[in-house]
Amino acid sequence: MGVMIPALMIGSVSGNYINPAFVIGMASVGSLAWGKALLFIVVEFLGAMAGQLVVVAMHKPYYDKTTNPTAILVHSQLLKIREVSSTASSANSSVVSCFSSVR
C-alpha cells in the first residue's frame, strides 16, 4: 500500500520513477536512456536524504530530552529482540502444536 498509492497518484505524471530499482529495470530493458536513469537515481537518493533530515528534525526535541543518550539505541535493540523472540515463539508453538496433534 505504501508504494501502490503514490504510484497510482503520480504514475501518469512522473512515469512512476519513484524507486531506483524500477529506474534501473526500465533502463535495462531500453525503455529509459541510461543518462536519464542516472539523473533519476541521483534525485531519488537526494529526496530520500531530504526526507530523512525531516524525520530527524521532527524527532530531535524528543532525543534532546533523553538524559541517557544510549537509551535510544538500547530501546531500538530491545524492540528488535522482542520482535525476533515473538516471531520465534509463535513459530515454535505452531510447530509444537502441529506435532502434538499428530498421534
C-alpha atoms as a PDB file:
ATOM      1  CA  MET A   1       0.000   0.000   0.000  1.00  0.00           C
ATOM      2  CA  GLY A   2       2.860   2.361   0.806  1.00  0.00           C
ATOM      3  CA  VAL A   3       4.166   2.170  -2.743  1.00  0.00           C
ATOM      4  CA  MET A   4       0.940   1.446  -4.594  1.00  0.00           C
ATOM      5  CA  ILE A   5      -0.940   4.571  -3.510  1.00  0.00           C
ATOM      6  CA  PRO A   6       1.792   7.052  -4.561  1.00  0.00           C
ATOM      7  CA  ALA A   7       2.307   5.052  -7.756  1.00  0.00           C
ATOM      8  CA  LEU A   8      -1.380   5.382  -8.610  1.00  0.00           C
ATOM      9  CA  MET A   9      -1.409   9.056  -7.628  1.00  0.00           C
ATOM     10  CA  ILE A  10       1.645  10.245  -9.579  1.00  0.00           C
ATOM     11  CA  GLY A  11       2.180   7.476 -12.107  1.00  0.00           C
ATOM     12  CA  SER A  12       0.588   9.307 -15.007  1.00  0.00           C
ATOM     13  CA  VAL A  13       2.578  12.457 -14.218  1.00  0.00           C
ATOM     14  CA  SER A  14       6.039  11.086 -13.428  1.00  0.00           C
ATOM     15  CA  GLY A  15       6.065   7.714 -15.145  1.00  0.00           C
ATOM     16  CA  ASN A  16       6.397   6.069 -11.693  1.00  0.00           C
ATOM     17  CA  TYR A  17      10.116   6.647 -11.440  1.00  0.00           C
ATOM     18  CA  ILE A  18       9.905   6.598  -7.633  1.00  0.00           C
ATOM     19  CA  ASN A  19      12.361   3.780  -6.937  1.00  0.00           C
ATOM     20  CA  PRO A  20      15.962   3.305  -8.130  1.00  0.00           C
ATOM     21  CA  ALA A  21      15.299  -0.404  -8.736  1.00  0.00           C
ATOM     22  CA  PHE A  22      12.430   0.441 -11.074  1.00  0.00           C
ATOM     23  CA  VAL A  23      14.555   3.020 -12.899  1.00  0.00           C
ATOM     24  CA  ILE A  24      17.410   0.527 -13.347  1.00  0.00           C
ATOM     25  CA  GLY A  25      14.936  -2.045 -14.624  1.00  0.00           C
ATOM     26  CA  MET A  26      13.471   0.373 -17.133  1.00  0.00           C
ATOM     27  CA  ALA A  27      16.944   1.386 -18.315  1.00  0.00           C
ATOM     28  CA  SER A  28      17.983  -2.278 -18.573  1.00  0.00           C
ATOM     29  CA  VAL A  29      15.157  -3.113 -20.958  1.00  0.00           C
ATOM     30  CA  GLY A  30      15.760   0.028 -23.003  1.00  0.00           C
ATOM     31  CA  SER A  31      12.642   1.942 -22.014  1.00  0.00           C
ATOM     32  CA  LEU A  32      14.729   4.715 -20.470  1.00  0.00           C
ATOM     33  CA  ALA A  33      18.076   6.182 -21.517  1.00  0.00           C
ATOM     34  CA  TRP A  34      20.917   5.448 -19.086  1.00  0.00           C
ATOM     35  CA  GLY A  35      21.795   9.146 -18.819  1.00  0.00           C
ATOM     36  CA  LYS A  36      18.275   9.995 -17.755  1.00  0.00           C
ATOM     37  CA  ALA A  37      18.224   6.955 -15.444  1.00  0.00           C
ATOM     38  CA  LEU A  38      21.350   8.168 -13.657  1.00  0.00           C
ATOM     39  CA  LEU A  39      19.745  11.568 -13.146  1.00  0.00           C
ATOM     40  CA  PHE A  40      16.586   9.973 -11.722  1.00  0.00           C
ATOM     41  CA  ILE A  41      18.618   7.777  -9.361  1.00  0.00           C
ATOM     42  CA  VAL A  42      20.643  10.728  -8.040  1.00  0.00           C
ATOM     43  CA  VAL A  43      17.487  12.780  -7.488  1.00  0.00           C
ATOM     44  CA  GLU A  44      15.741   9.845  -5.771  1.00  0.00           C
ATOM     45  CA  PHE A  45      18.660   9.450  -3.345  1.00  0.00           C
ATOM     46  CA  LEU A  46      18.694  13.197  -2.658  1.00  0.00           C
ATOM     47  CA  GLY A  47      14.956  13.059  -1.976  1.00  0.00           C
ATOM     48  CA  ALA A  48      15.423  10.147   0.418  1.00  0.00           C
ATOM     49  CA  MET A  49      18.132  12.051   2.288  1.00  0.00           C
ATOM     50  CA  ALA A  50      15.933  15.144   2.492  1.00  0.00           C
ATOM     51  CA  GLY A  51      13.091  13.026   3.861  1.00  0.00           C
ATOM     52  CA  GLN A  52      15.390  11.530   6.484  1.00  0.00           C
ATOM     53  CA  LEU A  53      16.501  15.007   7.532  1.00  0.00           C
ATOM     54  CA  VAL A  54      12.855  15.997   8.011  1.00  0.00           C
ATOM     55  CA  VAL A  55      12.248  12.926  10.199  1.00  0.00           C
ATOM     56  CA  VAL A  56      15.360  13.638  12.296  1.00  0.00           C
ATOM     57  CA  ALA A  57      14.372  17.296  12.678  1.00  0.00           C
ATOM     58  CA  MET A  58      10.879  16.326  13.830  1.00  0.00           C
ATOM     59  CA  HIS A  59      12.178  13.846  16.423  1.00  0.00           C
ATOM     60  CA  LYS A  60      15.149  15.912  17.642  1.00  0.00           C
ATOM     61  CA  PRO A  61      13.245  17.538  20.552  1.00  0.00           C
ATOM     62  CA  TYR A  62      12.481  14.063  21.923  1.00  0.00           C
ATOM     63  CA  TYR A  63      16.093  12.944  21.542  1.00  0.00           C
ATOM     64  CA  ASP A  64      17.229  16.120  23.310  1.00  0.00           C
ATOM     65  CA  LYS A  65      15.029  15.304  26.316  1.00  0.00           C
ATOM     66  CA  THR A  66      16.752  11.948  26.758  1.00  0.00           C
ATOM     67  CA  THR A  67      19.198  12.074  29.649  1.00  0.00           C
ATOM     68  CA  ASN A  68      20.858   8.806  28.665  1.00  0.00           C
ATOM     69  CA  PRO A  69      21.999   9.049  25.023  1.00  0.00           C
ATOM     70  CA  THR A  70      22.362   5.271  24.660  1.00  0.00           C
ATOM     71  CA  ALA A  71      18.751   4.735  25.748  1.00  0.00           C
ATOM     72  CA  ILE A  72      17.543   5.327  22.211  1.00  0.00           C
ATOM     73  CA  LEU A  73      19.829   2.634  20.838  1.00  0.00           C
ATOM     74  CA  VAL A  74      19.047   0.246  23.673  1.00  0.00           C
ATOM     75  CA  HIS A  75      15.303   0.747  23.182  1.00  0.00           C
ATOM     76  CA  SER A  76      15.540   0.038  19.452  1.00  0.00           C
ATOM     77  CA  GLN A  77      17.631  -3.087  20.124  1.00  0.00           C
ATOM     78  CA  LEU A  78      15.081  -4.314  22.682  1.00  0.00           C
ATOM     79  CA  LEU A  79      12.294  -3.861  20.159  1.00  0.00           C
ATOM     80  CA  LYS A  80      14.245  -5.935  17.638  1.00  0.00           C
ATOM     81  CA  ILE A  81      14.877  -8.662  20.230  1.00  0.00           C
ATOM     82  CA  ARG A  82      11.199  -8.750  21.183  1.00  0.00           C
ATOM     83  CA  GLU A  83      10.221  -8.898  17.514  1.00  0.00           C
ATOM     84  CA  VAL A  84      12.536 -11.834  16.827  1.00  0.00           C
ATOM     85  CA  SER A  85      11.603 -13.692  20.005  1.00  0.00           C
ATOM     86  CA  SER A  86       7.863 -13.276  19.431  1.00  0.00           C
ATOM     87  CA  THR A  87       8.237 -14.498  15.857  1.00  0.00           C
ATOM     88  CA  ALA A  88      10.320 -17.449  17.011  1.00  0.00           C
ATOM     89  CA  SER A  89       7.944 -18.338  19.847  1.00  0.00           C
ATOM     90  CA  SER A  90       4.911 -18.212  17.558  1.00  0.00           C
ATOM     91  CA  ALA A  91       6.740 -20.357  15.012  1.00  0.00           C
ATOM     92  CA  ASN A  92       7.786 -22.811  17.726  1.00  0.00           C
ATOM     93  CA  SER A  93       4.290 -23.015  19.181  1.00  0.00           C
ATOM     94  CA  SER A  94       2.801 -23.752  15.778  1.00  0.00           C
ATOM     95  CA  VAL A  95       5.398 -26.485  15.180  1.00  0.00           C
ATOM     96  CA  VAL A  96       4.779 -27.942  18.640  1.00  0.00           C
ATOM     97  CA  SER A  97       1.018 -27.873  18.185  1.00  0.00           C
ATOM     98  CA  CYS A  98       1.408 -29.474  14.784  1.00  0.00           C
ATOM     99  CA  PHE A  99       3.454 -32.357  16.182  1.00  0.00           C
ATOM    100  CA  SER A 100       1.367 -32.720  19.339  1.00  0.00           C
ATOM    101  CA  SER A 101      -1.808 -33.091  17.299  1.00  0.00           C
ATOM    102  CA  VAL A 102      -0.289 -35.940  15.264  1.00  0.00           C
ATOM    103  CA  ARG A 103      -0.506 -39.021  17.482  1.00  0.00           C
END
